[in-house]
Amino acid sequence: MPDFDNSKVLIIGGAGFVGSNLLHLLLFENPQIHITVVDNLLSAEKLNLPKDKRLTFLEGSITNHTILKQIKDEYSYIFHL
């Protein structure tokens, strides 16, 4: 796996099974990472997300204009699950 330290990562669908496991792995292996998760929670649970200062959670669909406005950063990596 590449080094994600000092990276900004966007995970779309990050509260589901695959996304939350990816999230946990990235947080565990990269102490300087910042991750933004966007998930509408239709087939996921917010409980799957850890409480971590390196994590920002936005509840809603990536197709929602309000959510898109909140995603202002440039990301080094984007995972769309």
Protein backbone atom coordinates (compact mmCIF):
# COMPACT_ATOMS: atom_id res chain seq x y z
CA MET A 1 0.00 0.00 0.00
CA PRO A 2 1.34 3.48 -0.83
CA ASP A 3 2.28 5.91 1.91
CA PHE A 4 -0.77 8.07 2.63
CA ASP A 5 0.85 10.07 5.43
CA ASN A 6 0.39 13.85 5.08
CA SER A 7 -2.37 13.21 2.51
CA LYS A 8 -5.95 14.36 2.29
CA VAL A 9 -8.22 11.47 1.37
CA LEU A 10 -11.89 11.51 0.36
CA ILE A 11 -13.89 8.30 0.82
CA ILE A 12 -17.34 8.35 -0.75
CA GLY A 13 -19.37 5.60 0.90
CA GLY A 14 -16.95 5.35 3.80
CA ALA A 15 -19.42 4.22 6.47
CA GLY A 16 -20.26 0.89 4.86
CA PHE A 17 -18.40 -2.39 5.35
CA VAL A 18 -15.65 -1.88 2.76
CA GLY A 19 -15.32 1.86 3.31
CA SER A 20 -15.11 1.66 7.09
CA ASN A 21 -12.47 -1.07 6.92
CA LEU A 22 -10.45 1.04 4.48
CA LEU A 23 -10.88 4.02 6.79
CA HIS A 24 -9.67 2.12 9.86
CA LEU A 25 -6.63 0.80 7.97
CA LEU A 26 -5.67 4.24 6.64
CA LEU A 27 -6.01 5.84 10.08
CA PHE A 28 -4.01 3.05 11.74
CA GLU A 29 -1.12 3.14 9.30
CA ASN A 30 -0.88 6.90 8.69
CA PRO A 31 -0.69 9.16 11.75
CA GLN A 32 -0.60 12.39 9.70
CA ILE A 33 -3.51 11.63 7.34
CA HIS A 34 -6.77 13.58 7.12
CA ILE A 35 -9.84 11.76 5.80
CA THR A 36 -13.20 13.13 4.73
CA VAL A 37 -16.04 10.60 4.50
CA VAL A 38 -19.24 11.29 2.59
CA ASP A 39 -22.04 8.76 3.10
CA ASN A 40 -25.82 8.93 2.92
CA LEU A 41 -26.11 6.05 5.45
CA LEU A 42 -28.73 4.22 3.35
CA SER A 43 -26.84 0.94 3.66
CA ALA A 44 -24.33 1.88 6.35
CA GLU A 45 -24.09 2.81 10.01
CA LYS A 46 -22.48 5.89 11.48
CA LEU A 47 -21.32 3.59 14.30
CA ASN A 48 -18.81 2.11 11.81
CA LEU A 49 -16.88 5.39 11.90
CA PRO A 50 -14.28 5.92 14.62
CA LYS A 51 -14.13 9.08 16.67
CA ASP A 52 -10.88 10.55 15.44
CA LYS A 53 -9.70 14.15 15.02
CA ARG A 54 -8.27 13.22 11.61
CA LEU A 55 -11.75 12.32 10.32
CA THR A 56 -14.45 14.61 8.95
CA PHE A 57 -17.87 13.06 8.28
CA LEU A 58 -20.46 14.57 5.93
CA GLU A 59 -23.84 12.85 5.94
CA GLY A 60 -25.57 12.96 2.57
CA SER A 61 -25.27 12.03 -1.07
CA ILE A 62 -22.29 13.07 -3.17
CA THR A 63 -24.87 14.23 -5.73
CA ASN A 64 -26.29 16.77 -3.26
CA HIS A 65 -25.18 20.30 -4.13
CA THR A 66 -24.88 21.27 -0.44
CA ILE A 67 -22.50 18.37 0.22
CA LEU A 68 -20.43 19.26 -2.85
CA LYS A 69 -20.03 22.82 -1.55
CA GLN A 70 -18.66 21.46 1.74
CA ILE A 71 -15.98 19.47 -0.06
CA LYS A 72 -13.62 22.35 -0.74
CA ASP A 73 -10.25 20.71 -0.27
CA GLU A 74 -8.07 19.23 -2.93
CA TYR A 75 -7.53 15.56 -2.24
CA SER A 76 -4.49 13.43 -2.92
CA TYR A 77 -6.66 10.29 -3.15
CA ILE A 78 -10.37 9.68 -3.75
CA PHE A 79 -12.08 6.34 -3.12
CA HIS A 80 -15.61 6.04 -4.49
CA LEU A 81 -17.23 2.92 -3.02
